[in-house]
Protein backbone atom coordinates (compact mmCIF):
# COMPACT_ATOMS: atom_id res chain seq x y z
CA MET A 1 -177.40 -130.57 32.66
CA SER A 2 -175.64 -129.27 35.77
CA SER A 3 -177.73 -128.28 38.77
CA ARG A 4 -175.69 -125.01 39.07
CA THR A 5 -177.97 -121.96 39.65
CA ASN A 6 -176.20 -120.16 36.84
CA PRO A 7 -175.31 -122.87 34.36
CA LYS A 8 -172.44 -122.12 31.92
CA VAL A 9 -173.41 -122.46 28.26
CA VAL A 10 -170.89 -122.35 25.42
CA VAL A 11 -172.46 -121.37 22.11
CA LEU A 12 -170.65 -122.92 19.17
CA LEU A 13 -170.84 -120.62 16.17
CA GLY A 14 -168.97 -119.75 12.92
CA GLY A 15 -166.88 -122.65 12.06
CA PRO A 16 -165.19 -123.46 8.63
CA SER A 17 -168.26 -124.35 6.51
CA ALA A 18 -169.74 -122.46 3.57
CA GLU A 19 -172.47 -121.30 5.97
CA ARG A 20 -170.03 -119.60 8.47
CA GLU A 21 -171.60 -116.15 8.23
CA VAL A 22 -175.10 -117.42 8.91
CA SER A 23 -173.76 -119.39 11.78
CA LEU A 24 -172.18 -116.36 13.28
CA SER A 25 -175.45 -114.49 13.10
CA SER A 26 -177.48 -117.50 14.53
CA GLY A 27 -175.02 -118.02 17.31
CA ARG A 28 -174.90 -114.32 18.43
CA GLU A 29 -178.68 -114.18 18.44
CA CYS A 30 -178.94 -117.31 20.51
CA ALA A 31 -176.14 -116.16 22.98
CA THR A 32 -178.10 -112.91 23.56
CA ALA A 33 -181.28 -114.70 24.15
CA LEU A 34 -179.68 -117.18 26.61
CA ARG A 35 -178.14 -114.33 28.53
CA ALA A 36 -181.53 -112.73 28.73
CA ALA A 37 -182.77 -116.16 29.99
CA GLY A 38 -180.27 -115.99 32.94
CA TYR A 39 -177.43 -118.29 31.64
CA ASN A 40 -173.73 -117.63 31.96
CA VAL A 41 -172.84 -117.67 28.19
CA GLU A 42 -169.52 -117.89 26.31
CA GLU A 43 -169.31 -117.69 22.48
CA LEU A 44 -166.82 -119.98 20.77
CA ASP A 45 -165.93 -119.73 17.10
CA ALA A 46 -165.39 -123.36 16.32
CA GLY A 47 -162.00 -123.88 14.74
CA HIS A 48 -159.91 -127.06 14.59
CA ASP A 49 -158.89 -126.53 18.13
CA VAL A 50 -162.48 -126.74 19.28
CA ALA A 51 -161.98 -129.80 21.46
CA ALA A 52 -159.13 -128.14 23.46
CA ARG A 53 -161.05 -124.97 23.77
CA LEU A 54 -164.09 -126.70 25.10
CA ILE A 55 -161.94 -128.63 27.68
CA ASP A 56 -160.55 -125.24 28.89
CA LEU A 57 -163.98 -123.57 29.04
CA ALA A 58 -165.64 -126.54 30.92
CA PRO A 59 -169.21 -125.81 30.03
CA ASP A 60 -172.28 -127.41 31.56
CA VAL A 61 -173.97 -127.34 28.16
CA VAL A 62 -172.90 -126.72 24.62
CA PHE A 63 -175.41 -124.91 22.47
CA ASN A 64 -174.67 -125.92 18.86
CA ALA A 65 -175.35 -123.03 16.56
CA LEU A 66 -173.15 -124.28 13.70
CA HIS A 67 -174.52 -124.74 10.17
CA GLY A 68 -173.23 -126.93 7.28
CA ARG A 69 -170.36 -129.30 7.28
CA TRP A 70 -168.38 -130.10 10.52
CA GLY A 71 -171.16 -128.60 12.69
CA GLU A 72 -174.19 -130.19 11.17
CA ASP A 73 -172.91 -133.54 9.78
CA GLY A 74 -172.05 -135.39 12.93
CA ALA A 75 -168.43 -134.29 13.21
CA VAL A 76 -168.69 -131.90 16.11
CA GLN A 77 -171.36 -134.13 17.74
CA GLY A 78 -168.80 -136.85 17.88
CA ILE A 79 -166.29 -134.54 19.69
CA LEU A 80 -169.00 -133.54 22.13
CA GLU A 81 -169.92 -137.13 22.80
CA TRP A 82 -166.20 -137.99 23.33
CA LEU A 83 -165.88 -135.14 25.80
CA ARG A 84 -169.15 -136.12 27.46
CA LEU A 85 -170.50 -132.56 27.20
CA PRO A 86 -174.29 -132.36 26.97
CA TYR A 87 -175.27 -130.56 23.74
CA THR A 88 -178.38 -129.37 21.95
CA HIS A 89 -179.96 -130.43 18.62
CA SER A 90 -179.45 -133.88 17.02
CA GLY A 91 -176.78 -136.47 17.64
CA ILE A 92 -174.16 -138.09 15.46
CA LEU A 93 -176.25 -140.41 13.26
CA ALA A 94 -179.24 -138.10 12.61
CA SER A 95 -176.87 -135.22 11.91
CA ALA A 96 -174.82 -137.32 9.43
CA LEU A 97 -178.00 -138.65 7.76
CA THR A 98 -179.77 -135.45 7.30
CA LEU A 99 -176.86 -133.48 5.75
CA ASP A 100 -176.57 -136.30 3.16
CA LYS A 101 -179.59 -135.47 1.01
CA GLN A 102 -179.69 -138.70 -0.89
CA ARG A 103 -179.65 -140.90 2.30
CA THR A 104 -182.26 -138.63 3.77
CA LYS A 105 -184.44 -139.47 0.81
CA ASP A 106 -183.77 -143.19 1.29
CA VAL A 107 -185.12 -142.83 4.86
CA TYR A 108 -188.19 -140.84 3.61
CA ARG A 109 -188.96 -143.54 1.06
CA LYS A 110 -188.54 -146.22 3.75
CA VAL A 111 -191.35 -144.74 5.82
CA GLY A 112 -193.57 -143.83 2.91
CA LEU A 113 -192.89 -140.14 2.68
CA PRO A 114 -193.13 -138.60 -0.84
CA VAL A 115 -190.04 -137.37 -2.73
CA VAL A 116 -188.96 -136.77 -6.34
CA ASP A 117 -186.50 -138.81 -8.22
CA SER A 118 -182.77 -137.99 -7.67
CA LEU A 119 -179.29 -139.36 -8.16
CA ILE A 120 -175.74 -138.66 -7.11
CA ALA A 121 -173.45 -137.84 -10.08
CA ASP A 122 -169.87 -136.77 -10.76
CA ALA A 123 -169.89 -132.98 -11.18
CA ASN A 124 -167.76 -133.21 -14.35
CA GLU A 125 -170.30 -135.60 -15.92
CA VAL A 126 -173.07 -133.12 -15.02
CA ARG A 127 -171.09 -130.30 -16.78
CA LYS A 128 -170.74 -132.43 -19.94
CA ALA A 129 -174.29 -133.61 -20.60
CA HIS A 130 -177.83 -133.88 -19.04
CA VAL A 131 -177.81 -136.76 -16.62
CA MET A 132 -181.58 -136.69 -16.41
CA PRO A 133 -184.11 -134.96 -18.61
CA PRO A 134 -184.73 -131.29 -17.83
CA PRO A 135 -186.19 -129.65 -15.77
CA TYR A 136 -183.94 -130.64 -12.89
CA VAL A 137 -181.99 -129.14 -10.01
CA VAL A 138 -178.27 -129.60 -9.23
CA LYS A 139 -176.98 -129.02 -5.69
CA PRO A 140 -174.30 -130.18 -3.26
CA TYR A 141 -175.51 -133.36 -1.62
CA ASN A 142 -174.03 -132.39 1.77
CA GLU A 143 -174.52 -128.62 2.29
CA GLY A 144 -177.52 -126.73 3.62
CA SER A 145 -179.00 -123.24 3.24
CA SER A 146 -179.54 -123.65 -0.53
CA VAL A 147 -175.74 -123.16 -1.13
CA GLY A 148 -174.79 -123.86 -4.81
CA ILE A 149 -178.24 -124.42 -6.38
CA TYR A 150 -178.55 -124.69 -10.09
CA ILE A 151 -181.92 -125.02 -11.90
CA VAL A 152 -181.90 -126.45 -15.40
CA ASP A 153 -185.16 -125.59 -17.14
CA GLU A 154 -186.72 -127.42 -20.05
CA ALA A 155 -185.54 -124.85 -22.50
CA ALA A 156 -181.91 -125.15 -21.56
CA ASN A 157 -179.50 -125.48 -24.50
CA GLY A 158 -177.08 -127.58 -22.56
CA PRO A 159 -175.96 -128.86 -19.19
CA PRO A 160 -175.24 -126.39 -16.35
CA GLN A 161 -171.84 -124.92 -16.03
CA LEU A 162 -171.25 -125.65 -12.38
CA SER A 163 -168.72 -123.43 -10.56
CA GLU A 164 -165.30 -124.84 -9.73
CA ASP A 165 -166.03 -124.79 -5.99
CA MET A 166 -168.89 -127.30 -6.32
CA PRO A 167 -168.01 -130.64 -4.70
CA ASP A 168 -166.85 -133.51 -6.94
CA GLN A 169 -170.12 -135.36 -6.19
CA VAL A 170 -173.48 -133.56 -6.62
CA MET A 171 -177.21 -134.36 -6.26
CA VAL A 172 -179.35 -134.01 -9.35
CA GLU A 173 -183.07 -134.18 -8.72
CA ALA A 174 -186.14 -133.79 -10.80
CA TYR A 175 -187.51 -130.21 -10.52
CA ALA A 176 -190.57 -130.02 -8.22
CA PRO A 177 -192.83 -127.04 -9.29
CA GLY A 178 -194.95 -125.18 -6.81
CA ARG A 179 -194.97 -123.36 -3.51
CA GLU A 180 -192.26 -123.61 -0.78
CA LEU A 181 -193.66 -124.69 2.49
CA THR A 182 -191.85 -125.59 5.76
CA THR A 183 -192.70 -126.96 9.20
CA THR A 184 -190.70 -126.98 12.46
CA VAL A 185 -190.70 -129.85 14.89
CA LEU A 186 -189.78 -129.07 18.51
CA GLY A 187 -189.39 -132.16 20.58
CA ASP A 188 -192.34 -134.27 19.65
CA ARG A 189 -194.52 -131.41 18.37
CA ALA A 190 -195.00 -129.95 14.94
CA LEU A 191 -195.45 -126.20 15.33
CA THR A 192 -197.11 -124.77 12.18
CA VAL A 193 -196.67 -124.38 8.37
CA THR A 194 -195.12 -121.39 6.70
CA ASP A 195 -195.64 -120.47 3.09
CA ILE A 196 -192.37 -118.88 1.78
CA LEU A 197 -192.99 -116.34 -0.96
CA THR A 198 -190.05 -115.19 -3.11
CA ASP A 199 -189.63 -113.60 -6.55
CA GLY A 200 -187.48 -116.64 -7.60
CA TRP A 201 -185.88 -119.66 -6.06
CA TYR A 202 -185.58 -119.80 -2.26
CA ASP A 203 -181.88 -119.52 -2.39
CA TYR A 204 -179.23 -118.43 0.13
CA ALA A 205 -179.98 -114.76 -0.38
CA ALA A 206 -183.78 -115.28 -0.04
CA LYS A 207 -183.18 -117.03 3.21
CA TYR A 208 -180.82 -114.61 4.90
CA VAL A 209 -180.99 -111.18 3.23
CA GLU A 210 -183.56 -108.86 4.80
CA GLY A 211 -186.57 -108.69 2.42
CA GLY A 212 -185.33 -111.66 0.35
CA SER A 213 -188.51 -113.55 1.05
CA ARG A 214 -191.94 -113.12 2.74
CA HIS A 215 -193.26 -115.61 5.21
CA VAL A 216 -196.97 -116.24 5.54
CA LEU A 217 -197.80 -118.17 8.74
CA PRO A 218 -199.94 -120.01 9.22
CA ALA A 219 -199.85 -120.85 5.55
CA ASP A 220 -203.00 -120.05 3.66
CA ILE A 221 -203.35 -123.49 2.24
CA PRO A 222 -206.06 -126.26 2.24
CA GLN A 223 -206.44 -127.98 5.57
CA ASP A 224 -205.50 -131.40 4.12
CA ILE A 225 -202.19 -129.94 2.87
CA PHE A 226 -201.56 -128.16 6.20
CA ASP A 227 -202.20 -131.40 8.12
CA ALA A 228 -200.03 -133.40 5.75
CA CYS A 229 -197.07 -131.00 6.28
CA MET A 230 -197.45 -131.23 10.08
CA ASP A 231 -197.68 -135.07 9.91
CA TYR A 232 -194.79 -135.56 7.41
CA ALA A 233 -192.51 -133.21 9.26
CA LEU A 234 -193.05 -135.09 12.60
CA ARG A 235 -192.62 -138.45 10.83
CA ALA A 236 -189.45 -137.32 9.09
CA HIS A 237 -188.08 -136.04 12.44
CA GLN A 238 -188.70 -139.34 14.10
CA ALA A 239 -187.56 -141.56 11.27
CA LEU A 240 -184.23 -139.71 10.95
CA GLY A 241 -183.73 -139.85 14.75
CA CYS A 242 -183.70 -136.07 15.13
CA ARG A 243 -183.59 -134.48 18.61
CA GLY A 244 -184.43 -131.04 19.87
CA VAL A 245 -185.48 -129.03 16.93
CA SER A 246 -185.67 -129.77 13.11
CA ARG A 247 -187.27 -128.08 10.12
CA THR A 248 -188.63 -129.94 7.10
CA ASP A 249 -189.00 -128.24 3.81
CA PHE A 250 -191.64 -129.08 1.14
CA ARG A 251 -192.62 -128.26 -2.40
CA TRP A 252 -196.40 -128.28 -3.20
CA ASP A 253 -197.81 -128.28 -6.64
CA GLU A 254 -201.38 -126.86 -6.13
CA ALA A 255 -202.59 -128.34 -9.37
CA ARG A 256 -202.05 -131.87 -8.13
CA GLY A 257 -203.52 -131.55 -4.60
CA LEU A 258 -202.15 -133.86 -1.97
CA ASP A 259 -200.26 -135.77 -4.67
CA GLY A 260 -198.28 -132.58 -5.44
CA LEU A 261 -196.74 -132.30 -1.96
CA ILE A 262 -193.14 -133.65 -1.67
CA LEU A 263 -190.37 -133.41 0.94
CA LEU A 264 -187.14 -131.72 0.00
CA GLU A 265 -184.98 -132.06 3.08
CA THR A 266 -184.88 -131.95 6.87
CA ASN A 267 -182.59 -129.53 8.70
CA THR A 268 -181.16 -130.47 12.09
CA GLN A 269 -179.46 -127.08 12.66
CA PRO A 270 -182.06 -124.66 11.20
CA GLY A 271 -181.22 -121.04 11.12
CA MET A 272 -181.78 -118.87 14.18
CA THR A 273 -181.18 -115.42 12.60
CA PRO A 274 -183.62 -112.48 12.67
CA THR A 275 -185.10 -113.64 9.38
CA SER A 276 -185.18 -117.40 10.28
CA LEU A 277 -188.34 -119.52 10.09
CA VAL A 278 -187.99 -121.50 13.32
CA PRO A 279 -188.11 -118.49 15.65
CA GLU A 280 -191.05 -117.16 13.70
CA GLN A 281 -192.98 -120.37 14.00
CA ALA A 282 -192.16 -120.71 17.67
CA ALA A 283 -193.41 -117.19 18.32
CA HIS A 284 -196.62 -117.96 16.35
CA VAL A 285 -197.37 -120.72 18.85
CA GLY A 286 -196.46 -118.59 21.91
CA ILE A 287 -192.84 -119.50 22.49
CA SER A 288 -190.57 -116.48 22.74
CA PHE A 289 -187.04 -116.56 21.33
CA PRO A 290 -185.40 -116.65 24.82
CA ASP A 291 -187.82 -119.48 25.81
CA LEU A 292 -186.99 -121.36 22.63
CA CYS A 293 -183.24 -121.21 23.30
CA LYS A 294 -183.84 -122.05 27.00
CA TRP A 295 -185.95 -125.09 26.00
CA LEU A 296 -183.03 -126.32 23.75
CA VAL A 297 -180.56 -125.96 26.61
CA GLU A 298 -182.79 -127.88 29.03
CA ASP A 299 -183.28 -130.56 26.37
CA ALA A 300 -179.40 -130.94 25.96
CA SER A 301 -177.76 -134.26 26.73
CA CYS A 302 -175.10 -136.80 25.58
CA ASP A 303 -176.06 -140.01 23.74
CA ARG A 304 -178.39 -138.30 21.34
């Protein structure tokens, strides 16, 4: 990062993905926090001219507040590496890996982290017949924020009628019953465990609509489950090559004890909105939101 007394930070937000609105919210919150921390901040809605815009703005650091494809899958990271602009969060490889849910699971398995069975299938085949015995979940294999989730229960009369805007290839995974838990990793430190309580599935609305979910932190769970979440999240962060901050999501079936804890996914661009989990967990361990954003800027680099 530049040694300027007032470094210029460009916050990338918005973008063309299905998670544009969440990214706009995340980016505005981060930009406000960075201004409070003393940085000279510009907000840039990342369109297809993002490279040219960044060259014109000439920032010392790029704060990546994009979510979903283009911003979270290694694409914008490649542009930033090419321009040699230091940036926050994970680099090209970790970003591409984690947004591909099936390849993420391959890495989990390689290092002995527990997951449920899953497969990648043609969306039209999934619409025609069950491709695995119910109950199972269908979701895009390369989107975040629980976009496009279908739960097929054991009593389902037939396969799910996926919407036309689902991608041609989807992930189908065995349904994991139980509680939704999540752990943030900041640098080389797992922060805490949150128990996410909702009236249904932890979907897009539950994540981002005020009152859509309730967060209990630290989670009121047995110590061995708490410790396992902290350990597994850090191991996932390291095995995937994540940098800066990540958040790993779990399902835990209480009836099965530690055997009932499985990893769902790791997010390299976790939400930074007023209802988001990462700022809550950081605050719980004494890191204010401006200090969290400042830490990410100070951690920024190329060759991530």
